[in-house]
PDB file of N, CA and C in Angstrom:
ATOM      1  N   VAL A   1       8.810  12.104  -7.014  1.00  0.00           N
ATOM      2  CA  VAL A   1       7.868  12.115  -8.404  1.00  0.00           C
ATOM      3  C   VAL A   1       8.393  10.614  -8.308  1.00  0.00           C
ATOM      4  N   CYS A   2       7.035  10.301  -8.821  1.00  0.00           N
ATOM      5  CA  CYS A   2       6.613   8.530  -8.965  1.00  0.00           C
ATOM      6  C   CYS A   2       7.664   8.231 -10.436  1.00  0.00           C
ATOM      7  N   PRO A   3       8.397   7.383 -10.284  1.00  0.00           N
ATOM      8  CA  PRO A   3       9.106   7.042 -11.215  1.00  0.00           C
ATOM      9  C   PRO A   3       8.116   6.190 -12.721  1.00  0.00           C
ATOM     10  N   VAL A   4       7.330   6.033 -12.207  1.00  0.00           N
ATOM     11  CA  VAL A   4       6.425   4.853 -12.958  1.00  0.00           C
ATOM     12  C   VAL A   4       6.170   5.489 -14.279  1.00  0.00           C
ATOM     13  N   ALA A   5       6.086   6.001 -15.618  1.00  0.00           N
ATOM     14  CA  ALA A   5       5.844   6.213 -16.412  1.00  0.00           C
ATOM     15  C   ALA A   5       4.331   6.794 -16.403  1.00  0.00           C
ATOM     16  N   GLY A   6       3.815   7.839 -16.483  1.00  0.00           N
ATOM     17  CA  GLY A   6       2.400   8.310 -16.773  1.00  0.00           C
ATOM     18  C   GLY A   6       1.909   8.593 -15.350  1.00  0.00           C
ATOM     19  N   CYS A   7       2.706   8.569 -14.223  1.00  0.00           N
ATOM     20  CA  CYS A   7       2.110   8.124 -13.048  1.00  0.00           C
ATOM     21  C   CYS A   7       2.022   9.666 -12.408  1.00  0.00           C
ATOM     22  N   ASN A   8       3.225  10.154 -12.120  1.00  0.00           N
ATOM     23  CA  ASN A   8       3.288  11.662 -11.950  1.00  0.00           C
ATOM     24  C   ASN A   8       2.993  11.601 -10.651  1.00  0.00           C
ATOM     25  N   LYS A   9       2.684  11.390  -9.694  1.00  0.00           N
ATOM     26  CA  LYS A   9       2.686  11.882  -8.608  1.00  0.00           C
ATOM     27  C   LYS A   9       3.764  12.228  -7.519  1.00  0.00           C
ATOM     28  N   HIS A  10       3.913  13.160  -6.770  1.00  0.00           N
ATOM     29  CA  HIS A  10       4.901  14.023  -5.974  1.00  0.00           C
ATOM     30  C   HIS A  10       4.501  13.275  -4.778  1.00  0.00           C
ATOM     31  N   PHE A  11       5.199  13.665  -3.982  1.00  0.00           N
ATOM     32  CA  PHE A  11       5.554  13.230  -2.565  1.00  0.00           C
ATOM     33  C   PHE A  11       6.150  13.893  -2.048  1.00  0.00           C
ATOM     34  N   SER A  12       6.039  14.349  -0.227  1.00  0.00           N
ATOM     35  CA  SER A  12       6.622  15.339   0.623  1.00  0.00           C
ATOM     36  C   SER A  12       7.755  14.295   1.417  1.00  0.00           C
ATOM     37  N   THR A  13       7.710  13.022   1.691  1.00  0.00           N
ATOM     38  CA  THR A  13       8.483  12.286   1.939  1.00  0.00           C
ATOM     39  C   THR A  13       8.719  10.919   1.543  1.00  0.00           C
ATOM     40  N   SER A  14       9.790  10.567   1.219  1.00  0.00           N
ATOM     41  CA  SER A  14      10.420   9.018   1.107  1.00  0.00           C
ATOM     42  C   SER A  14       9.441   8.089   1.507  1.00  0.00           C
ATOM     43  N   GLY A  15       8.768   8.309   2.929  1.00  0.00           N
ATOM     44  CA  GLY A  15       7.817   7.254   3.157  1.00  0.00           C
ATOM     45  C   GLY A  15       7.056   6.936   2.043  1.00  0.00           C
ATOM     46  N   HIS A  16       6.116   8.400   2.140  1.00  0.00           N
ATOM     47  CA  HIS A  16       4.968   8.456   1.441  1.00  0.00           C
ATOM     48  C   HIS A  16       5.402   7.892  -0.146  1.00  0.00           C
ATOM     49  N   ALA A  17       6.411   7.968  -0.832  1.00  0.00           N
ATOM     50  CA  ALA A  17       6.734   7.723  -1.694  1.00  0.00           C
ATOM     51  C   ALA A  17       7.114   6.020  -2.043  1.00  0.00           C
ATOM     52  N   ARG A  18       7.280   5.440  -0.941  1.00  0.00           N
ATOM     53  CA  ARG A  18       7.719   3.759  -0.624  1.00  0.00           C
ATOM     54  C   ARG A  18       6.403   3.394  -0.351  1.00  0.00           C
ATOM     55  N   ARG A  19       5.070   4.111   0.215  1.00  0.00           N
ATOM     56  CA  ARG A  19       4.045   3.369   0.574  1.00  0.00           C
ATOM     57  C   ARG A  19       3.497   3.244  -1.320  1.00  0.00           C
ATOM     58  N   HIS A  20       3.381   4.417  -1.766  1.00  0.00           N
ATOM     59  CA  HIS A  20       3.032   4.424  -2.981  1.00  0.00           C
ATOM     60  C   HIS A  20       3.260   3.485  -4.057  1.00  0.00           C
ATOM     61  N   SER A  21       4.267   3.377  -3.732  1.00  0.00           N
ATOM     62  CA  SER A  21       5.358   2.058  -4.859  1.00  0.00           C
ATOM     63  C   SER A  21       4.505   0.969  -5.007  1.00  0.00           C
ATOM     64  N   ARG A  22       3.894   0.467  -3.617  1.00  0.00           N
ATOM     65  CA  ARG A  22       3.641  -0.794  -3.451  1.00  0.00           C
ATOM     66  C   ARG A  22       2.324  -1.026  -4.555  1.00  0.00           C
ATOM     67  N   ILE A  23       1.677   0.180  -4.804  1.00  0.00           N
ATOM     68  CA  ILE A  23       0.193   0.238  -5.308  1.00  0.00           C
ATOM     69  C   ILE A  23       0.866  -0.373  -6.909  1.00  0.00           C
ATOM     70  N   HIS A  24       2.041   0.323  -7.190  1.00  0.00           N
ATOM     71  CA  HIS A  24       2.594  -0.450  -8.716  1.00  0.00           C
ATOM     72  C   HIS A  24       3.131  -1.517  -8.781  1.00  0.00           C
ATOM     73  N   ALA A  25       3.390  -2.167  -7.351  1.00  0.00           N
ATOM     74  CA  ALA A  25       4.267  -2.874  -7.501  1.00  0.00           C
ATOM     75  C   ALA A  25       3.303  -4.872  -7.063  1.00  0.00           C
ATOM     76  N   ALA A  26       2.020  -4.084  -6.772  1.00  0.00           N
ATOM     77  CA  ALA A  26       0.689  -4.955  -6.471  1.00  0.00           C
ATOM     78  C   ALA A  26       1.366  -5.703  -5.003  1.00  0.00           C
ATOM     79  N   LEU A  27       2.034  -4.671  -4.443  1.00  0.00           N
ATOM     80  CA  LEU A  27       2.273  -5.725  -2.862  1.00  0.00           C
ATOM     81  C   LEU A  27       1.439  -5.166  -2.223  1.00  0.00           C
ATOM     82  N   ARG A  28       0.456  -5.954  -1.402  1.00  0.00           N
ATOM     83  CA  ARG A  28       0.154  -6.199  -0.455  1.00  0.00           C
ATOM     84  C   ARG A  28       0.381  -6.919   1.070  1.00  0.00           C
ATOM     85  N   PRO A  29       1.280  -6.594   1.622  1.00  0.00           N
ATOM     86  CA  PRO A  29       1.867  -7.119   2.670  1.00  0.00           C
ATOM     87  C   PRO A  29       1.094  -7.492   3.973  1.00  0.00           C
ATOM     88  N   PHE A  30       0.071  -6.803   4.469  1.00  0.00           N
ATOM     89  CA  PHE A  30      -0.724  -6.339   5.300  1.00  0.00           C
ATOM     90  C   PHE A  30      -1.961  -7.928   5.358  1.00  0.00           C
ATOM     91  N   GLU A  31      -2.018  -8.931   5.960  1.00  0.00           N
ATOM     92  CA  GLU A  31      -3.049  -9.460   5.404  1.00  0.00           C
ATOM     93  C   GLU A  31      -4.042  -9.856   6.993  1.00  0.00           C
ATOM     94  N   CYS A  32      -5.340  -9.584   6.745  1.00  0.00           N
ATOM     95  CA  CYS A  32      -6.305  -9.656   7.855  1.00  0.00           C
ATOM     96  C   CYS A  32      -6.320 -11.049   8.836  1.00  0.00           C
ATOM     97  N   PRO A  33      -5.834 -10.580   9.958  1.00  0.00           N
ATOM     98  CA  PRO A  33      -5.868 -12.341  10.935  1.00  0.00           C
ATOM     99  C   PRO A  33      -6.972 -13.075  11.210  1.00  0.00           C
ATOM    100  N   HIS A  34      -8.090 -12.590  10.827  1.00  0.00           N
ATOM    101  CA  HIS A  34      -9.258 -13.522  10.558  1.00  0.00           C
ATOM    102  C   HIS A  34      -9.160 -14.592  10.077  1.00  0.00           C
ATOM    103  N   ASP A  35      -9.320 -15.923  10.311  1.00  0.00           N
ATOM    104  CA  ASP A  35      -9.481 -16.940   9.652  1.00  0.00           C
ATOM    105  C   ASP A  35     -10.772 -16.994   8.629  1.00  0.00           C
ATOM    106  N   GLY A  36      -9.977 -17.041   7.202  1.00  0.00           N
ATOM    107  CA  GLY A  36     -11.191 -17.329   6.865  1.00  0.00           C
ATOM    108  C   GLY A  36     -11.212 -16.051   5.767  1.00  0.00           C
ATOM    109  N   CYS A  37     -10.695 -14.936   6.287  1.00  0.00           N
ATOM    110  CA  CYS A  37     -11.116 -13.385   5.591  1.00  0.00           C
ATOM    111  C   CYS A  37     -10.107 -13.509   4.283  1.00  0.00           C
ATOM    112  N   GLY A  38      -9.204 -13.820   4.176  1.00  0.00           N
ATOM    113  CA  GLY A  38      -8.212 -13.342   3.515  1.00  0.00           C
ATOM    114  C   GLY A  38      -7.870 -12.070   2.535  1.00  0.00           C
ATOM    115  N   ALA A  39      -8.483 -10.850   3.110  1.00  0.00           N
ATOM    116  CA  ALA A  39      -8.287  -9.919   2.707  1.00  0.00           C
ATOM    117  C   ALA A  39      -7.084  -9.251   2.683  1.00  0.00           C
ATOM    118  N   THR A  40      -6.454  -8.603   2.021  1.00  0.00           N
ATOM    119  CA  THR A  40      -5.166  -7.943   1.924  1.00  0.00           C
ATOM    120  C   THR A  40      -4.977  -6.489   1.851  1.00  0.00           C
ATOM    121  N   PHE A  41      -3.756  -5.941   2.270  1.00  0.00           N
ATOM    122  CA  PHE A  41      -3.684  -4.237   1.960  1.00  0.00           C
ATOM    123  C   PHE A  41      -2.190  -3.821   1.795  1.00  0.00           C
ATOM    124  N   THR A  42      -2.297  -2.536   1.213  1.00  0.00           N
ATOM    125  CA  THR A  42      -1.014  -2.248   0.957  1.00  0.00           C
ATOM    126  C   THR A  42      -0.666  -1.164   2.096  1.00  0.00           C
ATOM    127  N   ARG A  43      -1.245  -1.211   3.463  1.00  0.00           N
ATOM    128  CA  ARG A  43      -0.855  -0.415   4.532  1.00  0.00           C
ATOM    129  C   ARG A  43      -1.409  -1.072   5.729  1.00  0.00           C
ATOM    130  N   ARG A  44      -0.617  -1.114   7.060  1.00  0.00           N
ATOM    131  CA  ARG A  44      -1.037  -1.556   8.282  1.00  0.00           C
ATOM    132  C   ARG A  44      -2.287  -1.104   8.647  1.00  0.00           C
ATOM    133  N   ASP A  45      -2.595   0.415   8.592  1.00  0.00           N
ATOM    134  CA  ASP A  45      -3.591   1.205   9.164  1.00  0.00           C
ATOM    135  C   ASP A  45      -4.974   0.678   8.398  1.00  0.00           C
ATOM    136  N   ASN A  46      -4.755   0.343   6.909  1.00  0.00           N
ATOM    137  CA  ASN A  46      -6.093   0.092   6.437  1.00  0.00           C
ATOM    138  C   ASN A  46      -6.703  -1.381   6.735  1.00  0.00           C
ATOM    139  N   CYS A  47      -5.651  -2.038   6.994  1.00  0.00           N
ATOM    140  CA  CYS A  47      -5.635  -3.496   7.621  1.00  0.00           C
ATOM    141  C   CYS A  47      -6.502  -3.379   8.579  1.00  0.00           C
ATOM    142  N   THR A  48      -5.914  -2.521   9.740  1.00  0.00           N
ATOM    143  CA  THR A  48      -6.278  -2.232  11.097  1.00  0.00           C
ATOM    144  C   THR A  48      -7.552  -2.076  11.488  1.00  0.00           C
ATOM    145  N   GLN A  49      -8.053  -1.013   9.766  1.00  0.00           N
ATOM    146  CA  GLN A  49      -9.418  -0.359  10.183  1.00  0.00           C
ATOM    147  C   GLN A  49     -10.353  -1.565   9.513  1.00  0.00           C
ATOM    148  N   HIS A  50     -10.041  -2.417   8.865  1.00  0.00           N
ATOM    149  CA  HIS A  50     -11.002  -3.115   8.222  1.00  0.00           C
ATOM    150  C   HIS A  50     -11.215  -4.144   9.335  1.00  0.00           C
ATOM    151  N   GLN A  51     -10.667  -4.513  10.150  1.00  0.00           N
ATOM    152  CA  GLN A  51     -10.403  -5.257  11.524  1.00  0.00           C
ATOM    153  C   GLN A  51     -11.878  -4.948  12.239  1.00  0.00           C
TER     154      GLN A  51
END
């Protein structure tokens, strides 16, 4: 269960919970490598799809 008050999301794996926690922490560690784009993502697969 997500520990953030009011969220109450449940996860089947710790990896999914970790990935979800980036939403609350506003972490977007995956940046588009194209010059001038500047788009950032919480998940590598979303960044790859964006490209």
